[in-house]
Amino acid sequence: MVRSLLVIGVLVAAYVAIVARSDRLPTPAVDAVALAAAQSAQSNQPYAAAVGLPAGWSAESAILTRTADGTMTWQIVYRTPANDPVAVKQAVDPKRAWLVASTAEGVEQGTVSVAGATWRVFRAEDKGQVAVVQDGPGTGDLTTVVLGQAPQADVEALAAALRPSPLSGPGSTP
């Protein structure tokens, strides 16, 4: 009986050794552009999604949620070619608490020009995150945060690829 258990143990160990395992389950890519367009038409807000990212980038989730302070937030999570997560968050006239949470409580570090627009840079060194923020120009406009555990160049590349969805909902003009 002991020999039988030993043989079974060796077979199980061999099986475990040769079967590929991953510590991250694969997630299907989502069509962030289509989801942003649908949400924009429904809410009459020009939510953005990335267009023309280099090979290896993928969108893995997109959702519209209401935060604890009542702010409606459009969020898309992307993965870089190095598998780093980078999120795009957008809200209309967000409260300061939303900005603090959306930048992972980062400290403002100045500005950077991304695709001809000025973005504020925030760093949360303790969390290994960097964010770029573009404030809406006026009341009723979207504020955009791009935050990631990725090199700042990747965060900026995602910000540069963002394109607002056309509004085609009720009350909008083509």
N, C-alpha and C. Protein backbone atom coordinates (compact mmCIF):
# COMPACT_ATOMS: atom_id res chain seq x y z
N MET A 1 0.82 -1.18 0.00
CA MET A 1 0.00 0.00 0.00
C MET A 1 0.88 1.26 0.00
N VAL A 2 1.96 1.23 0.76
CA VAL A 2 2.86 2.38 0.82
C VAL A 2 3.50 2.60 -0.55
N ARG A 3 3.88 1.51 -1.22
CA ARG A 3 4.48 1.64 -2.56
C ARG A 3 3.46 2.23 -3.54
N SER A 4 2.22 1.82 -3.45
CA SER A 4 1.18 2.36 -4.34
C SER A 4 1.00 3.86 -4.13
N LEU A 5 0.96 4.28 -2.89
CA LEU A 5 0.84 5.70 -2.59
C LEU A 5 2.06 6.48 -3.10
N LEU A 6 3.23 5.88 -2.98
CA LEU A 6 4.44 6.52 -3.46
C LEU A 6 4.40 6.71 -4.99
N VAL A 7 3.94 5.67 -5.70
CA VAL A 7 3.83 5.76 -7.16
C VAL A 7 2.81 6.83 -7.55
N ILE A 8 1.68 6.85 -6.88
CA ILE A 8 0.64 7.86 -7.17
C ILE A 8 1.19 9.26 -6.87
N GLY A 9 1.91 9.40 -5.77
CA GLY A 9 2.50 10.70 -5.42
C GLY A 9 3.48 11.18 -6.47
N VAL A 10 4.30 10.28 -7.01
CA VAL A 10 5.25 10.65 -8.06
C VAL A 10 4.51 11.07 -9.32
N LEU A 11 3.46 10.34 -9.69
CA LEU A 11 2.68 10.70 -10.87
C LEU A 11 2.01 12.07 -10.72
N VAL A 12 1.45 12.34 -9.55
CA VAL A 12 0.81 13.62 -9.31
C VAL A 12 1.84 14.75 -9.35
N ALA A 13 3.01 14.53 -8.75
CA ALA A 13 4.06 15.55 -8.77
C ALA A 13 4.53 15.82 -10.20
N ALA A 14 4.66 14.78 -11.00
CA ALA A 14 5.07 14.96 -12.40
C ALA A 14 4.01 15.75 -13.17
N TYR A 15 2.76 15.43 -12.95
CA TYR A 15 1.67 16.14 -13.62
C TYR A 15 1.68 17.63 -13.24
N VAL A 16 1.81 17.92 -11.96
CA VAL A 16 1.84 19.31 -11.48
C VAL A 16 3.03 20.05 -12.08
N ALA A 17 4.16 19.37 -12.23
CA ALA A 17 5.36 20.01 -12.76
C ALA A 17 5.24 20.36 -14.24
N ILE A 18 4.50 19.56 -15.01
CA ILE A 18 4.47 19.81 -16.46
C ILE A 18 3.26 20.61 -16.92
N VAL A 19 2.25 20.78 -16.10
CA VAL A 19 1.06 21.54 -16.49
C VAL A 19 1.34 23.03 -16.29
N ALA A 20 1.11 23.81 -17.33
CA ALA A 20 1.33 25.26 -17.27
C ALA A 20 0.31 25.91 -16.36
N ARG A 21 0.79 26.82 -15.54
CA ARG A 21 -0.09 27.55 -14.63
C ARG A 21 0.20 29.03 -14.79
N SER A 22 -0.80 29.82 -14.52
CA SER A 22 -0.64 31.27 -14.57
C SER A 22 -1.21 31.85 -13.29
N ASP A 23 -0.54 32.86 -12.76
CA ASP A 23 -1.07 33.49 -11.56
C ASP A 23 -2.08 34.59 -11.92
N ARG A 24 -2.31 34.79 -13.19
CA ARG A 24 -3.32 35.76 -13.65
C ARG A 24 -4.21 35.09 -14.68
N LEU A 25 -5.49 35.07 -14.38
CA LEU A 25 -6.43 34.48 -15.32
C LEU A 25 -6.57 35.38 -16.54
N PRO A 26 -6.62 34.82 -17.73
CA PRO A 26 -6.79 35.67 -18.91
C PRO A 26 -8.18 36.29 -18.91
N THR A 27 -8.24 37.57 -19.30
CA THR A 27 -9.52 38.24 -19.40
C THR A 27 -9.74 38.60 -20.87
N PRO A 28 -10.93 38.42 -21.34
CA PRO A 28 -11.18 38.75 -22.74
C PRO A 28 -11.11 40.26 -22.94
N ALA A 29 -10.58 40.67 -24.07
CA ALA A 29 -10.51 42.09 -24.39
C ALA A 29 -11.91 42.62 -24.65
N VAL A 30 -12.11 43.89 -24.32
CA VAL A 30 -13.40 44.53 -24.58
C VAL A 30 -13.21 45.56 -25.67
N ASP A 31 -14.29 45.88 -26.37
CA ASP A 31 -14.26 46.92 -27.39
C ASP A 31 -14.57 48.24 -26.71
N ALA A 32 -13.51 48.86 -26.17
CA ALA A 32 -13.68 50.08 -25.38
C ALA A 32 -14.25 51.23 -26.20
N VAL A 33 -13.88 51.31 -27.48
CA VAL A 33 -14.38 52.39 -28.33
C VAL A 33 -15.90 52.27 -28.49
N ALA A 34 -16.38 51.08 -28.76
CA ALA A 34 -17.82 50.86 -28.92
C ALA A 34 -18.56 51.11 -27.61
N LEU A 35 -17.99 50.65 -26.50
CA LEU A 35 -18.64 50.85 -25.21
C LEU A 35 -18.67 52.33 -24.84
N ALA A 36 -17.59 53.05 -25.11
CA ALA A 36 -17.56 54.49 -24.83
C ALA A 36 -18.60 55.22 -25.68
N ALA A 37 -18.70 54.83 -26.95
CA ALA A 37 -19.68 55.46 -27.84
C ALA A 37 -21.11 55.21 -27.35
N ALA A 38 -21.39 53.99 -26.95
CA ALA A 38 -22.73 53.66 -26.45
C ALA A 38 -23.05 54.43 -25.18
N GLN A 39 -22.08 54.48 -24.27
CA GLN A 39 -22.30 55.19 -23.01
C GLN A 39 -22.43 56.70 -23.25
N SER A 40 -21.64 57.22 -24.19
CA SER A 40 -21.72 58.64 -24.52
C SER A 40 -23.09 59.01 -25.08
N ALA A 41 -23.60 58.18 -25.97
CA ALA A 41 -24.91 58.43 -26.56
C ALA A 41 -26.00 58.39 -25.50
N GLN A 42 -25.87 57.47 -24.56
CA GLN A 42 -26.88 57.31 -23.53
C GLN A 42 -26.84 58.45 -22.51
N SER A 43 -25.64 58.90 -22.16
CA SER A 43 -25.51 59.91 -21.10
C SER A 43 -25.29 61.33 -21.62
N ASN A 44 -25.09 61.47 -22.93
CA ASN A 44 -24.82 62.76 -23.56
C ASN A 44 -23.53 63.41 -23.03
N GLN A 45 -22.53 62.56 -22.77
CA GLN A 45 -21.19 63.01 -22.37
C GLN A 45 -20.19 62.39 -23.34
N PRO A 46 -19.20 63.15 -23.80
CA PRO A 46 -18.25 62.61 -24.77
C PRO A 46 -17.13 61.78 -24.12
N TYR A 47 -17.51 60.66 -23.51
CA TYR A 47 -16.51 59.80 -22.87
C TYR A 47 -15.49 59.33 -23.90
N ALA A 48 -14.26 59.16 -23.45
CA ALA A 48 -13.17 58.83 -24.36
C ALA A 48 -12.74 57.38 -24.24
N ALA A 49 -12.14 56.91 -25.33
CA ALA A 49 -11.48 55.61 -25.37
C ALA A 49 -10.25 55.78 -26.25
N ALA A 50 -9.29 54.88 -26.07
CA ALA A 50 -8.05 54.98 -26.83
C ALA A 50 -8.22 54.44 -28.24
N VAL A 51 -7.66 55.16 -29.19
CA VAL A 51 -7.69 54.76 -30.60
C VAL A 51 -6.26 54.75 -31.11
N GLY A 52 -5.87 53.68 -31.78
CA GLY A 52 -4.56 53.61 -32.41
C GLY A 52 -3.40 53.32 -31.47
N LEU A 53 -3.66 52.61 -30.37
CA LEU A 53 -2.55 52.23 -29.49
C LEU A 53 -1.63 51.25 -30.21
N PRO A 54 -0.35 51.24 -29.88
CA PRO A 54 0.57 50.28 -30.50
C PRO A 54 0.18 48.84 -30.16
N ALA A 55 0.72 47.92 -30.91
CA ALA A 55 0.44 46.49 -30.68
C ALA A 55 0.81 46.11 -29.25
N GLY A 56 0.02 45.22 -28.68
CA GLY A 56 0.28 44.72 -27.33
C GLY A 56 -0.60 45.35 -26.26
N TRP A 57 -1.23 46.48 -26.56
CA TRP A 57 -2.15 47.09 -25.61
C TRP A 57 -3.51 46.40 -25.74
N SER A 58 -4.24 46.31 -24.63
CA SER A 58 -5.60 45.76 -24.69
C SER A 58 -6.45 46.41 -23.61
N ALA A 59 -7.73 46.56 -23.92
CA ALA A 59 -8.70 47.05 -22.95
C ALA A 59 -9.33 45.83 -22.31
N GLU A 60 -9.37 45.81 -20.99
CA GLU A 60 -9.93 44.62 -20.34
C GLU A 60 -11.22 44.86 -19.59
N SER A 61 -11.57 46.12 -19.33
CA SER A 61 -12.87 46.38 -18.71
C SER A 61 -13.26 47.83 -18.95
N ALA A 62 -14.55 48.06 -18.97
CA ALA A 62 -15.10 49.40 -19.12
C ALA A 62 -16.40 49.45 -18.32
N ILE A 63 -16.55 50.49 -17.50
CA ILE A 63 -17.72 50.55 -16.64
C ILE A 63 -18.04 52.00 -16.27
N LEU A 64 -19.31 52.27 -16.10
CA LEU A 64 -19.77 53.55 -15.57
C LEU A 64 -20.28 53.28 -14.16
N THR A 65 -19.69 53.97 -13.18
CA THR A 65 -20.08 53.74 -11.79
C THR A 65 -20.32 55.06 -11.08
N ARG A 66 -21.00 54.98 -9.96
CA ARG A 66 -21.20 56.15 -9.10
C ARG A 66 -20.33 55.94 -7.87
N THR A 67 -19.47 56.91 -7.56
CA THR A 67 -18.60 56.80 -6.40
C THR A 67 -19.38 57.10 -5.12
N ALA A 68 -18.72 56.91 -4.00
CA ALA A 68 -19.37 57.13 -2.71
C ALA A 68 -19.84 58.57 -2.55
N ASP A 69 -19.12 59.52 -3.18
CA ASP A 69 -19.54 60.92 -3.07
C ASP A 69 -20.56 61.32 -4.13
N GLY A 70 -21.03 60.35 -4.92
CA GLY A 70 -22.08 60.59 -5.91
C GLY A 70 -21.59 60.96 -7.30
N THR A 71 -20.28 60.94 -7.53
CA THR A 71 -19.73 61.31 -8.83
C THR A 71 -19.86 60.14 -9.81
N MET A 72 -20.49 60.39 -10.95
CA MET A 72 -20.56 59.37 -12.00
C MET A 72 -19.20 59.33 -12.69
N THR A 73 -18.62 58.12 -12.77
CA THR A 73 -17.28 57.96 -13.30
C THR A 73 -17.26 56.92 -14.40
N TRP A 74 -16.76 57.31 -15.57
CA TRP A 74 -16.52 56.39 -16.69
C TRP A 74 -15.09 55.90 -16.53
N GLN A 75 -14.90 54.57 -16.54
CA GLN A 75 -13.56 54.01 -16.34
C GLN A 75 -13.30 52.88 -17.32
N ILE A 76 -12.13 52.92 -17.94
CA ILE A 76 -11.65 51.83 -18.79
C ILE A 76 -10.28 51.42 -18.25
N VAL A 77 -10.07 50.13 -18.08
CA VAL A 77 -8.77 49.62 -17.66
C VAL A 77 -8.10 48.95 -18.86
N TYR A 78 -6.90 49.40 -19.15
CA TYR A 78 -6.08 48.85 -20.23
C TYR A 78 -4.90 48.09 -19.64
N ARG A 79 -4.30 47.24 -20.45
CA ARG A 79 -3.04 46.56 -20.11
C ARG A 79 -2.01 46.95 -21.14
N THR A 80 -0.82 47.33 -20.68
CA THR A 80 0.28 47.68 -21.57
C THR A 80 0.88 46.39 -22.14
N PRO A 81 1.76 46.51 -23.12
CA PRO A 81 2.44 45.31 -23.62
C PRO A 81 3.23 44.57 -22.53
N ALA A 82 3.65 45.29 -21.49
CA ALA A 82 4.36 44.67 -20.36
C ALA A 82 3.38 44.16 -19.29
N ASN A 83 2.07 44.20 -19.60
CA ASN A 83 1.01 43.71 -18.72
C ASN A 83 0.76 44.61 -17.50
N ASP A 84 1.19 45.87 -17.57
CA ASP A 84 0.93 46.81 -16.49
C ASP A 84 -0.48 47.39 -16.65
N PRO A 85 -1.23 47.53 -15.55
CA PRO A 85 -2.57 48.13 -15.66
C PRO A 85 -2.49 49.65 -15.73
N VAL A 86 -3.29 50.23 -16.61
CA VAL A 86 -3.42 51.69 -16.73
C VAL A 86 -4.91 51.98 -16.92
N ALA A 87 -5.44 52.85 -16.07
CA ALA A 87 -6.87 53.15 -16.10
C ALA A 87 -7.12 54.57 -16.60
N VAL A 88 -8.21 54.73 -17.32
CA VAL A 88 -8.72 56.03 -17.73
C VAL A 88 -9.99 56.26 -16.93
N LYS A 89 -10.06 57.39 -16.23
CA LYS A 89 -11.24 57.74 -15.46
C LYS A 89 -11.70 59.12 -15.89
N GLN A 90 -13.01 59.27 -16.09
CA GLN A 90 -13.57 60.56 -16.48
C GLN A 90 -14.82 60.85 -15.67
N ALA A 91 -14.95 62.12 -15.28
CA ALA A 91 -16.13 62.57 -14.54
C ALA A 91 -16.38 64.03 -14.86
N VAL A 92 -17.64 64.42 -14.78
CA VAL A 92 -18.04 65.81 -14.99
C VAL A 92 -17.97 66.54 -13.66
N ASP A 93 -17.22 67.64 -13.64
CA ASP A 93 -17.10 68.49 -12.45
C ASP A 93 -16.90 67.67 -11.17
N PRO A 94 -15.86 66.84 -11.12
CA PRO A 94 -15.68 65.99 -9.93
C PRO A 94 -15.28 66.81 -8.70
N LYS A 95 -15.61 66.25 -7.56
CA LYS A 95 -15.22 66.87 -6.29
C LYS A 95 -13.73 66.57 -6.04
N ARG A 96 -13.14 67.33 -5.16
CA ARG A 96 -11.71 67.13 -4.84
C ARG A 96 -11.44 65.70 -4.38
N ALA A 97 -12.33 65.12 -3.59
CA ALA A 97 -12.12 63.76 -3.09
C ALA A 97 -12.01 62.77 -4.24
N TRP A 98 -12.77 62.98 -5.31
CA TRP A 98 -12.69 62.11 -6.49
C TRP A 98 -11.31 62.19 -7.11
N LEU A 99 -10.78 63.40 -7.25
CA LEU A 99 -9.45 63.58 -7.84
C LEU A 99 -8.38 62.94 -6.97
N VAL A 100 -8.47 63.11 -5.67
CA VAL A 100 -7.49 62.52 -4.76
C VAL A 100 -7.51 60.99 -4.89
N ALA A 101 -8.70 60.41 -4.90
CA ALA A 101 -8.81 58.95 -5.03
C ALA A 101 -8.37 58.48 -6.42
N SER A 102 -8.72 59.23 -7.45
CA SER A 102 -8.41 58.82 -8.82
C SER A 102 -6.93 58.92 -9.15
N THR A 103 -6.18 59.70 -8.38
CA THR A 103 -4.73 59.80 -8.58
C THR A 103 -3.97 58.99 -7.55
N ALA A 104 -4.66 58.08 -6.87
CA ALA A 104 -4.07 57.22 -5.84
C ALA A 104 -3.41 58.05 -4.75
N GLU A 105 -4.03 59.19 -4.42
CA GLU A 105 -3.52 60.11 -3.41
C GLU A 105 -2.13 60.61 -3.77
N GLY A 106 -1.93 60.79 -5.08
CA GLY A 106 -0.63 61.26 -5.57
C GLY A 106 -0.39 62.72 -5.28
N VAL A 107 0.88 63.08 -5.32
CA VAL A 107 1.32 64.46 -5.10
C VAL A 107 1.56 65.09 -6.47
N GLU A 108 1.03 66.29 -6.66
CA GLU A 108 1.20 66.96 -7.94
C GLU A 108 2.67 67.31 -8.16
N GLN A 109 3.17 66.99 -9.37
CA GLN A 109 4.59 67.15 -9.69
C GLN A 109 4.85 68.11 -10.84
N GLY A 110 3.86 68.89 -11.27
CA GLY A 110 4.05 69.81 -12.38
C GLY A 110 3.15 69.42 -13.53
N THR A 111 3.56 69.82 -14.75
CA THR A 111 2.75 69.54 -15.93
C THR A 111 3.60 68.91 -17.02
N VAL A 112 2.89 68.33 -17.99
CA VAL A 112 3.52 67.73 -19.16
C VAL A 112 2.62 68.01 -20.35
N SER A 113 3.22 68.14 -21.53
CA SER A 113 2.43 68.32 -22.74
C SER A 113 2.23 66.95 -23.39
N VAL A 114 0.98 66.59 -23.59
CA VAL A 114 0.63 65.31 -24.22
C VAL A 114 -0.26 65.62 -25.41
N ALA A 115 0.20 65.29 -26.59
CA ALA A 115 -0.55 65.53 -27.83
C ALA A 115 -1.01 66.98 -27.93
N GLY A 116 -0.15 67.91 -27.52
CA GLY A 116 -0.45 69.32 -27.63
C GLY A 116 -1.32 69.90 -26.52
N ALA A 117 -1.69 69.09 -25.55
CA ALA A 117 -2.52 69.55 -24.43
C ALA A 117 -1.72 69.48 -23.14
N THR A 118 -2.04 70.35 -22.20
CA THR A 118 -1.35 70.37 -20.92
C THR A 118 -2.07 69.45 -19.93
N TRP A 119 -1.31 68.55 -19.34
CA TRP A 119 -1.81 67.61 -18.33
C TRP A 119 -0.99 67.81 -17.05
N ARG A 120 -1.66 67.75 -15.91
CA ARG A 120 -0.95 67.80 -14.62
C ARG A 120 -0.46 66.39 -14.29
N VAL A 121 0.72 66.29 -13.69
CA VAL A 121 1.32 65.00 -13.33
C VAL A 121 1.22 64.81 -11.81
N PHE A 122 0.76 63.63 -11.41
CA PHE A 122 0.67 63.25 -9.99
C PHE A 122 1.45 61.96 -9.81
N ARG A 123 2.17 61.85 -8.70
CA ARG A 123 2.90 60.62 -8.37
C ARG A 123 2.50 60.14 -6.98
N ALA A 124 2.20 58.85 -6.91
CA ALA A 124 1.95 58.18 -5.64
C ALA A 124 3.10 57.19 -5.48
N GLU A 125 4.24 57.70 -5.05
CA GLU A 125 5.47 56.90 -4.98
C GLU A 125 5.30 55.64 -4.13
N ASP A 126 4.57 55.76 -3.02
CA ASP A 126 4.39 54.61 -2.13
C ASP A 126 3.58 53.49 -2.78
N LYS A 127 2.81 53.82 -3.80
CA LYS A 127 2.00 52.82 -4.50
C LYS A 127 2.58 52.49 -5.87
N GLY A 128 3.65 53.18 -6.26
CA GLY A 128 4.27 52.93 -7.56
C GLY A 128 3.39 53.36 -8.72
N GLN A 129 2.61 54.42 -8.52
CA GLN A 129 1.68 54.86 -9.55
C GLN A 129 1.95 56.28 -9.99
N VAL A 130 1.67 56.53 -11.27
CA VAL A 130 1.76 57.87 -11.83
C VAL A 130 0.45 58.16 -12.54
N ALA A 131 0.03 59.43 -12.46
CA ALA A 131 -1.22 59.83 -13.12
C ALA A 131 -0.99 61.14 -13.86
N VAL A 132 -1.69 61.28 -14.98
CA VAL A 132 -1.77 62.56 -15.66
C VAL A 132 -3.23 62.97 -15.67
N VAL A 133 -3.47 64.26 -15.45
CA VAL A 133 -4.84 64.76 -15.29
C VAL A 133 -5.04 65.94 -16.22
N GLN A 134 -6.14 65.89 -16.97
CA GLN A 134 -6.54 67.02 -17.80
C GLN A 134 -7.90 67.49 -17.29
N ASP A 135 -7.91 68.72 -16.79
CA ASP A 135 -9.14 69.28 -16.24
C ASP A 135 -10.02 69.81 -17.36
N GLY A 136 -11.32 69.64 -17.20
CA GLY A 136 -12.26 70.21 -18.15
C GLY A 136 -12.12 71.72 -18.16
N PRO A 137 -12.28 72.36 -19.31
CA PRO A 137 -12.08 73.81 -19.39
C PRO A 137 -13.13 74.64 -18.67
N GLY A 138 -14.28 74.05 -18.38
CA GLY A 138 -15.32 74.84 -17.72
C GLY A 138 -16.30 73.96 -16.98
N THR A 139 -17.29 74.57 -16.40
CA THR A 139 -18.34 73.85 -15.68
C THR A 139 -19.10 72.96 -16.66
N GLY A 140 -19.34 71.74 -16.25
CA GLY A 140 -20.07 70.80 -17.09
C GLY A 140 -19.17 70.02 -18.04
N ASP A 141 -17.85 70.22 -17.95
CA ASP A 141 -16.92 69.50 -18.82
C ASP A 141 -16.27 68.35 -18.07
N LEU A 142 -15.77 67.39 -18.84
CA LEU A 142 -15.14 66.20 -18.26
C LEU A 142 -13.73 66.49 -17.78
N THR A 143 -13.39 65.92 -16.64
CA THR A 143 -12.02 65.85 -16.16
C THR A 143 -11.55 64.43 -16.44
N THR A 144 -10.34 64.29 -16.99
CA THR A 144 -9.81 62.99 -17.36
C THR A 144 -8.56 62.69 -16.54
N VAL A 145 -8.51 61.49 -15.97
CA VAL A 145 -7.34 61.01 -15.24
C VAL A 145 -6.88 59.72 -15.92
N VAL A 146 -5.58 59.63 -16.20
CA VAL A 146 -4.98 58.40 -16.70
C VAL A 146 -3.96 57.99 -15.64
N LEU A 147 -4.20 56.84 -15.01
CA LEU A 147 -3.42 56.40 -13.85
C LEU A 147 -2.90 55.00 -14.07
N GLY A 148 -1.64 54.76 -13.72
CA GLY A 148 -1.15 53.40 -13.89
C GLY A 148 0.05 53.05 -13.07
N GLN A 149 0.24 51.74 -12.94
CA GLN A 149 1.45 51.17 -12.37
C GLN A 149 2.34 50.81 -13.55
N ALA A 150 2.71 51.83 -14.29
CA ALA A 150 3.46 51.67 -15.53
C ALA A 150 4.39 52.86 -15.64
N PRO A 151 5.37 52.77 -16.51
CA PRO A 151 6.22 53.94 -16.74
C PRO A 151 5.38 55.13 -17.21
N GLN A 152 5.82 56.34 -16.84
CA GLN A 152 5.08 57.53 -17.22
C GLN A 152 4.90 57.62 -18.73
N ALA A 153 5.87 57.15 -19.50
CA ALA A 153 5.75 57.19 -20.96
C ALA A 153 4.54 56.39 -21.43
N ASP A 154 4.25 55.25 -20.79
CA ASP A 154 3.07 54.45 -21.15
C ASP A 154 1.78 55.17 -20.78
N VAL A 155 1.78 55.80 -19.60
CA VAL A 155 0.60 56.55 -19.16
C VAL A 155 0.33 57.69 -20.14
N GLU A 156 1.39 58.38 -20.55
CA GLU A 156 1.23 59.48 -21.51
C GLU A 156 0.80 58.96 -22.88
N ALA A 157 1.31 57.80 -23.29
CA ALA A 157 0.92 57.23 -24.58
C ALA A 157 -0.58 56.93 -24.60
N LEU A 158 -1.11 56.41 -23.51
CA LEU A 158 -2.54 56.15 -23.43
C LEU A 158 -3.32 57.46 -23.45
N ALA A 159 -2.85 58.45 -22.71
CA ALA A 159 -3.53 59.76 -22.70
C ALA A 159 -3.55 60.36 -24.11
N ALA A 160 -2.45 60.22 -24.85
CA ALA A 160 -2.36 60.78 -26.20
C ALA A 160 -3.30 60.07 -27.17
N ALA A 161 -3.62 58.80 -26.90
CA ALA A 161 -4.47 58.02 -27.79
C ALA A 161 -5.97 58.21 -27.52
N LEU A 162 -6.32 58.92 -26.46
CA LEU A 162 -7.74 59.09 -26.12
C LEU A 162 -8.45 59.98 -27.13
N ARG A 163 -9.62 59.53 -27.55
CA ARG A 163 -10.46 60.29 -28.46
C ARG A 163 -11.87 60.31 -27.89
N PRO A 164 -12.49 61.49 -27.81
CA PRO A 164 -13.86 61.54 -27.28
C PRO A 164 -14.84 60.89 -28.25
N SER A 165 -15.83 60.26 -27.69
CA SER A 165 -16.88 59.64 -28.50
C SER A 165 -17.81 60.71 -29.01
N PRO A 166 -18.30 60.55 -30.24
CA PRO A 166 -19.27 61.53 -30.74
C PRO A 166 -20.58 61.38 -29.98
N LEU A 167 -21.23 62.49 -29.78
CA LEU A 167 -22.53 62.46 -29.10
C LEU A 167 -23.61 62.27 -30.14
N SER A 168 -24.44 61.28 -29.94
CA SER A 168 -25.54 61.05 -30.88
C SER A 168 -26.83 60.76 -30.14
N GLY A 169 -26.84 61.12 -28.87
CA GLY A 169 -28.04 60.88 -28.08
C GLY A 169 -29.06 61.98 -28.28
N PRO A 170 -30.16 61.94 -27.52
CA PRO A 170 -31.20 62.94 -27.63
C PRO A 170 -30.65 64.32 -27.32
N GLY A 171 -31.01 65.28 -28.12
CA GLY A 171 -30.61 66.66 -27.89
C GLY A 171 -29.25 67.01 -28.43
N SER A 172 -28.54 66.07 -29.02
CA SER A 172 -27.23 66.39 -29.58
C SER A 172 -27.35 66.63 -31.06
N THR A 173 -26.37 67.32 -31.58
CA THR A 173 -26.36 67.58 -33.01
C THR A 173 -25.33 66.72 -33.68
N PRO A 174 -25.60 66.25 -34.88
CA PRO A 174 -24.64 65.38 -35.56
C PRO A 174 -23.39 66.10 -35.95
